[in-house]
Amino acid sequence: MSFEEDDRAVLHDEHSEFDGETGTVTQVMETMFGDATYTVTFEEGQESGVPEDALEPATE
């Protein structure tokens, strides 16, 4: 599933301080290989370069 700006998503990345948190997609970037990466903003900061497979749609 791809995400658009302003979508709410849950981050799943055990190496991130925001693992398991819900945030808002604030930027969608396309790599030179045609894949999308995302910037997700949380209450306490943001995570950039997030791959699509590390996100799931938020249910709240």
PDB file of N, CA and C in Angstrom:
ATOM      1  N   MET A   1       0.848  -1.180   0.000  1.00  0.00           N
ATOM      2  CA  MET A   1       0.000   0.000   0.000  1.00  0.00           C
ATOM      3  C   MET A   1       0.887   1.234   0.000  1.00  0.00           C
ATOM      4  N   SER A   2       0.545   2.186  -0.811  1.00  0.00           N
ATOM      5  CA  SER A   2       1.297   3.434  -0.785  1.00  0.00           C
ATOM      6  C   SER A   2       0.568   4.438   0.107  1.00  0.00           C
ATOM      7  N   PHE A   3       1.301   5.423   0.544  1.00  0.00           N
ATOM      8  CA  PHE A   3       0.761   6.439   1.432  1.00  0.00           C
ATOM      9  C   PHE A   3       0.842   7.795   0.753  1.00  0.00           C
ATOM     10  N   GLU A   4      -0.044   8.672   1.138  1.00  0.00           N
ATOM     11  CA  GLU A   4      -0.076  10.045   0.638  1.00  0.00           C
ATOM     12  C   GLU A   4       0.227  10.984   1.802  1.00  0.00           C
ATOM     13  N   GLU A   5       0.572  12.234   1.474  1.00  0.00           N
ATOM     14  CA  GLU A   5       0.790  13.221   2.526  1.00  0.00           C
ATOM     15  C   GLU A   5      -0.483  13.354   3.366  1.00  0.00           C
ATOM     16  N   ASP A   6      -0.303  13.545   4.646  1.00  0.00           N
ATOM     17  CA  ASP A   6      -1.360  13.688   5.658  1.00  0.00           C
ATOM     18  C   ASP A   6      -1.998  12.367   6.070  1.00  0.00           C
ATOM     19  N   ASP A   7      -1.560  11.228   5.513  1.00  0.00           N
ATOM     20  CA  ASP A   7      -2.038   9.928   5.983  1.00  0.00           C
ATOM     21  C   ASP A   7      -1.450   9.654   7.360  1.00  0.00           C
ATOM     22  N   ARG A   8      -2.211   8.986   8.207  1.00  0.00           N
ATOM     23  CA  ARG A   8      -1.723   8.554   9.514  1.00  0.00           C
ATOM     24  C   ARG A   8      -1.183   7.140   9.363  1.00  0.00           C
ATOM     25  N   ALA A   9      -0.014   6.872   9.923  1.00  0.00           N
ATOM     26  CA  ALA A   9       0.617   5.566   9.782  1.00  0.00           C
ATOM     27  C   ALA A   9       1.366   5.196  11.053  1.00  0.00           C
ATOM     28  N   VAL A  10       1.505   3.883  11.269  1.00  0.00           N
ATOM     29  CA  VAL A  10       2.256   3.346  12.403  1.00  0.00           C
ATOM     30  C   VAL A  10       3.608   2.876  11.879  1.00  0.00           C
ATOM     31  N   LEU A  11       4.685   3.315  12.525  1.00  0.00           N
ATOM     32  CA  LEU A  11       6.041   2.945  12.131  1.00  0.00           C
ATOM     33  C   LEU A  11       6.457   1.650  12.812  1.00  0.00           C
ATOM     34  N   HIS A  12       7.020   0.730  12.040  1.00  0.00           N
ATOM     35  CA  HIS A  12       7.567  -0.518  12.579  1.00  0.00           C
ATOM     36  C   HIS A  12       9.033  -0.609  12.171  1.00  0.00           C
ATOM     37  N   ASP A  13       9.906  -0.124  13.058  1.00  0.00           N
ATOM     38  CA  ASP A  13      11.351  -0.143  12.814  1.00  0.00           C
ATOM     39  C   ASP A  13      12.032  -0.245  14.174  1.00  0.00           C
ATOM     40  N   GLU A  14      12.535  -1.428  14.480  1.00  0.00           N
ATOM     41  CA  GLU A  14      13.115  -1.655  15.810  1.00  0.00           C
ATOM     42  C   GLU A  14      14.325  -0.771  16.093  1.00  0.00           C
ATOM     43  N   HIS A  15      14.907  -0.166  15.062  1.00  0.00           N
ATOM     44  CA  HIS A  15      16.073   0.695  15.253  1.00  0.00           C
ATOM     45  C   HIS A  15      15.698   2.163  15.434  1.00  0.00           C
ATOM     46  N   SER A  16      14.416   2.463  15.346  1.00  0.00           N
ATOM     47  CA  SER A  16      13.948   3.843  15.472  1.00  0.00           C
ATOM     48  C   SER A  16      13.427   4.097  16.876  1.00  0.00           C
ATOM     49  N   GLU A  17      13.633   5.300  17.359  1.00  0.00           N
ATOM     50  CA  GLU A  17      13.067   5.672  18.659  1.00  0.00           C
ATOM     51  C   GLU A  17      11.553   5.829  18.576  1.00  0.00           C
ATOM     52  N   PHE A  18      10.995   5.854  17.366  1.00  0.00           N
ATOM     53  CA  PHE A  18       9.553   6.013  17.169  1.00  0.00           C
ATOM     54  C   PHE A  18       8.859   4.699  16.824  1.00  0.00           C
ATOM     55  N   ASP A  19       9.542   3.573  17.007  1.00  0.00           N
ATOM     56  CA  ASP A  19       8.981   2.254  16.702  1.00  0.00           C
ATOM     57  C   ASP A  19       7.650   2.055  17.429  1.00  0.00           C
ATOM     58  N   GLY A  20       6.607   1.689  16.671  1.00  0.00           N
ATOM     59  CA  GLY A  20       5.295   1.448  17.252  1.00  0.00           C
ATOM     60  C   GLY A  20       4.442   2.682  17.428  1.00  0.00           C
ATOM     61  N   GLU A  21       4.980   3.859  17.107  1.00  0.00           N
ATOM     62  CA  GLU A  21       4.224   5.098  17.268  1.00  0.00           C
ATOM     63  C   GLU A  21       3.471   5.451  15.997  1.00  0.00           C
ATOM     64  N   THR A  22       2.381   6.172  16.174  1.00  0.00           N
ATOM     65  CA  THR A  22       1.579   6.651  15.054  1.00  0.00           C
ATOM     66  C   THR A  22       1.987   8.081  14.734  1.00  0.00           C
ATOM     67  N   GLY A  23       2.192   8.339  13.451  1.00  0.00           N
ATOM     68  CA  GLY A  23       2.570   9.672  13.009  1.00  0.00           C
ATOM     69  C   GLY A  23       1.849  10.034  11.728  1.00  0.00           C
ATOM     70  N   THR A  24       2.194  11.198  11.188  1.00  0.00           N
ATOM     71  CA  THR A  24       1.581  11.708   9.967  1.00  0.00           C
ATOM     72  C   THR A  24       2.630  11.768   8.867  1.00  0.00           C
ATOM     73  N   VAL A  25       2.293  11.223   7.707  1.00  0.00           N
ATOM     74  CA  VAL A  25       3.194  11.303   6.552  1.00  0.00           C
ATOM     75  C   VAL A  25       3.215  12.756   6.101  1.00  0.00           C
ATOM     76  N   THR A  26       4.409  13.373   6.100  1.00  0.00           N
ATOM     77  CA  THR A  26       4.520  14.782   5.725  1.00  0.00           C
ATOM     78  C   THR A  26       5.224  14.980   4.390  1.00  0.00           C
ATOM     79  N   GLN A  27       5.889  13.923   3.894  1.00  0.00           N
ATOM     80  CA  GLN A  27       6.553  14.047   2.599  1.00  0.00           C
ATOM     81  C   GLN A  27       6.684  12.662   1.984  1.00  0.00           C
ATOM     82  N   VAL A  28       6.451  12.603   0.668  1.00  0.00           N
ATOM     83  CA  VAL A  28       6.629  11.378  -0.098  1.00  0.00           C
ATOM     84  C   VAL A  28       7.720  11.642  -1.114  1.00  0.00           C
ATOM     85  N   MET A  29       8.760  10.807  -1.111  1.00  0.00           N
ATOM     86  CA  MET A  29       9.877  10.972  -2.041  1.00  0.00           C
ATOM     87  C   MET A  29      10.029   9.698  -2.857  1.00  0.00           C
ATOM     88  N   GLU A  30      10.297   9.847  -4.138  1.00  0.00           N
ATOM     89  CA  GLU A  30      10.519   8.688  -4.986  1.00  0.00           C
ATOM     90  C   GLU A  30      12.017   8.521  -5.202  1.00  0.00           C
ATOM     91  N   THR A  31      12.514   7.299  -4.993  1.00  0.00           N
ATOM     92  CA  THR A  31      13.932   7.029  -5.205  1.00  0.00           C
ATOM     93  C   THR A  31      14.201   6.861  -6.697  1.00  0.00           C
ATOM     94  N   MET A  32      15.460   6.820  -7.060  1.00  0.00           N
ATOM     95  CA  MET A  32      15.811   6.642  -8.468  1.00  0.00           C
ATOM     96  C   MET A  32      15.420   5.257  -8.984  1.00  0.00           C
ATOM     97  N   PHE A  33      15.064   4.358  -8.081  1.00  0.00           N
ATOM     98  CA  PHE A  33      14.627   3.016  -8.470  1.00  0.00           C
ATOM     99  C   PHE A  33      13.110   2.921  -8.575  1.00  0.00           C
ATOM    100  N   GLY A  34      12.408   4.025  -8.370  1.00  0.00           N
ATOM    101  CA  GLY A  34      10.958   4.054  -8.478  1.00  0.00           C
ATOM    102  C   GLY A  34      10.209   3.688  -7.213  1.00  0.00           C
ATOM    103  N   ASP A  35      10.938   3.438  -6.125  1.00  0.00           N
ATOM    104  CA  ASP A  35      10.304   3.124  -4.842  1.00  0.00           C
ATOM    105  C   ASP A  35      10.016   4.423  -4.089  1.00  0.00           C
ATOM    106  N   ALA A  36       9.019   4.395  -3.242  1.00  0.00           N
ATOM    107  CA  ALA A  36       8.697   5.564  -2.425  1.00  0.00           C
ATOM    108  C   ALA A  36       9.320   5.422  -1.044  1.00  0.00           C
ATOM    109  N   THR A  37       9.829   6.527  -0.510  1.00  0.00           N
ATOM    110  CA  THR A  37      10.216   6.608   0.893  1.00  0.00           C
ATOM    111  C   THR A  37       9.467   7.798   1.475  1.00  0.00           C
ATOM    112  N   TYR A  38       9.342   7.794   2.783  1.00  0.00           N
ATOM    113  CA  TYR A  38       8.460   8.755   3.430  1.00  0.00           C
ATOM    114  C   TYR A  38       9.162   9.471   4.580  1.00  0.00           C
ATOM    115  N   THR A  39       8.710  10.697   4.831  1.00  0.00           N
ATOM    116  CA  THR A  39       9.039  11.403   6.065  1.00  0.00           C
ATOM    117  C   THR A  39       7.774  11.373   6.904  1.00  0.00           C
ATOM    118  N   VAL A  40       7.915  10.882   8.134  1.00  0.00           N
ATOM    119  CA  VAL A  40       6.772  10.761   9.040  1.00  0.00           C
ATOM    120  C   VAL A  40       7.059  11.615  10.267  1.00  0.00           C
ATOM    121  N   THR A  41       6.096  12.462  10.625  1.00  0.00           N
ATOM    122  CA  THR A  41       6.251  13.351  11.773  1.00  0.00           C
ATOM    123  C   THR A  41       5.443  12.807  12.949  1.00  0.00           C
ATOM    124  N   PHE A  42       6.114  12.782  14.111  1.00  0.00           N
ATOM    125  CA  PHE A  42       5.504  12.315  15.359  1.00  0.00           C
ATOM    126  C   PHE A  42       5.460  13.485  16.333  1.00  0.00           C
ATOM    127  N   GLU A  43       4.815  13.299  17.481  1.00  0.00           N
ATOM    128  CA  GLU A  43       4.738  14.365  18.487  1.00  0.00           C
ATOM    129  C   GLU A  43       6.123  14.818  18.929  1.00  0.00           C
ATOM    130  N   GLU A  44       7.068  13.888  19.010  1.00  0.00           N
ATOM    131  CA  GLU A  44       8.397  14.189  19.554  1.00  0.00           C
ATOM    132  C   GLU A  44       9.486  14.330  18.485  1.00  0.00           C
ATOM    133  N   GLY A  45       9.120  14.405  17.199  1.00  0.00           N
ATOM    134  CA  GLY A  45      10.135  14.548  16.162  1.00  0.00           C
ATOM    135  C   GLY A  45       9.684  13.943  14.856  1.00  0.00           C
ATOM    136  N   GLN A  46      10.667  13.608  13.998  1.00  0.00           N
ATOM    137  CA  GLN A  46      10.319  13.006  12.716  1.00  0.00           C
ATOM    138  C   GLN A  46      11.355  11.986  12.290  1.00  0.00           C
ATOM    139  N   GLU A  47      10.942  11.119  11.389  1.00  0.00           N
ATOM    140  CA  GLU A  47      11.809  10.081  10.831  1.00  0.00           C
ATOM    141  C   GLU A  47      11.757  10.237   9.311  1.00  0.00           C
ATOM    142  N   SER A  48      12.916  10.331   8.667  1.00  0.00           N
ATOM    143  CA  SER A  48      12.984  10.498   7.216  1.00  0.00           C
ATOM    144  C   SER A  48      13.517   9.238   6.556  1.00  0.00           C
ATOM    145  N   GLY A  49      13.182   9.069   5.280  1.00  0.00           N
ATOM    146  CA  GLY A  49      13.680   7.929   4.518  1.00  0.00           C
ATOM    147  C   GLY A  49      13.057   6.613   4.923  1.00  0.00           C
ATOM    148  N   VAL A  50      11.817   6.653   5.394  1.00  0.00           N
ATOM    149  CA  VAL A  50      11.137   5.448   5.867  1.00  0.00           C
ATOM    150  C   VAL A  50      10.610   4.669   4.653  1.00  0.00           C
ATOM    151  N   PRO A  51      10.979   3.391   4.507  1.00  0.00           N
ATOM    152  CA  PRO A  51      10.449   2.597   3.391  1.00  0.00           C
ATOM    153  C   PRO A  51       8.990   2.226   3.635  1.00  0.00           C
ATOM    154  N   GLU A  52       8.288   1.971   2.542  1.00  0.00           N
ATOM    155  CA  GLU A  52       6.861   1.647   2.630  1.00  0.00           C
ATOM    156  C   GLU A  52       6.584   0.428   3.501  1.00  0.00           C
ATOM    157  N   ASP A  53       7.475  -0.564   3.459  1.00  0.00           N
ATOM    158  CA  ASP A  53       7.221  -1.790   4.228  1.00  0.00           C
ATOM    159  C   ASP A  53       7.419  -1.620   5.729  1.00  0.00           C
ATOM    160  N   ALA A  54       7.872  -0.444   6.171  1.00  0.00           N
ATOM    161  CA  ALA A  54       8.014  -0.175   7.605  1.00  0.00           C
ATOM    162  C   ALA A  54       6.804   0.575   8.162  1.00  0.00           C
ATOM    163  N   LEU A  55       5.805   0.801   7.304  1.00  0.00           N
ATOM    164  CA  LEU A  55       4.614   1.549   7.723  1.00  0.00           C
ATOM    165  C   LEU A  55       3.358   0.695   7.547  1.00  0.00           C
ATOM    166  N   GLU A  56       2.388   0.944   8.401  1.00  0.00           N
ATOM    167  CA  GLU A  56       1.064   0.346   8.219  1.00  0.00           C
ATOM    168  C   GLU A  56       0.039   1.441   8.501  1.00  0.00           C
ATOM    169  N   PRO A  57      -1.109   1.379   7.846  1.00  0.00           N
ATOM    170  CA  PRO A  57      -2.127   2.411   8.073  1.00  0.00           C
ATOM    171  C   PRO A  57      -2.567   2.429   9.533  1.00  0.00           C
ATOM    172  N   ALA A  58      -2.729   3.622  10.074  1.00  0.00           N
ATOM    173  CA  ALA A  58      -3.203   3.759  11.451  1.00  0.00           C
ATOM    174  C   ALA A  58      -4.702   3.520  11.502  1.00  0.00           C
ATOM    175  N   THR A  59      -5.166   2.896  12.549  1.00  0.00           N
ATOM    176  CA  THR A  59      -6.586   2.580  12.687  1.00  0.00           C
ATOM    177  C   THR A  59      -7.322   3.605  13.528  1.00  0.00           C
ATOM    178  N   GLU A  60      -6.600   4.499  14.141  1.00  0.00           N
ATOM    179  CA  GLU A  60      -7.259   5.479  15.013  1.00  0.00           C
ATOM    180  C   GLU A  60      -7.682   6.710  14.266  1.00  0.00           C
TER     181      GLU A  60
END
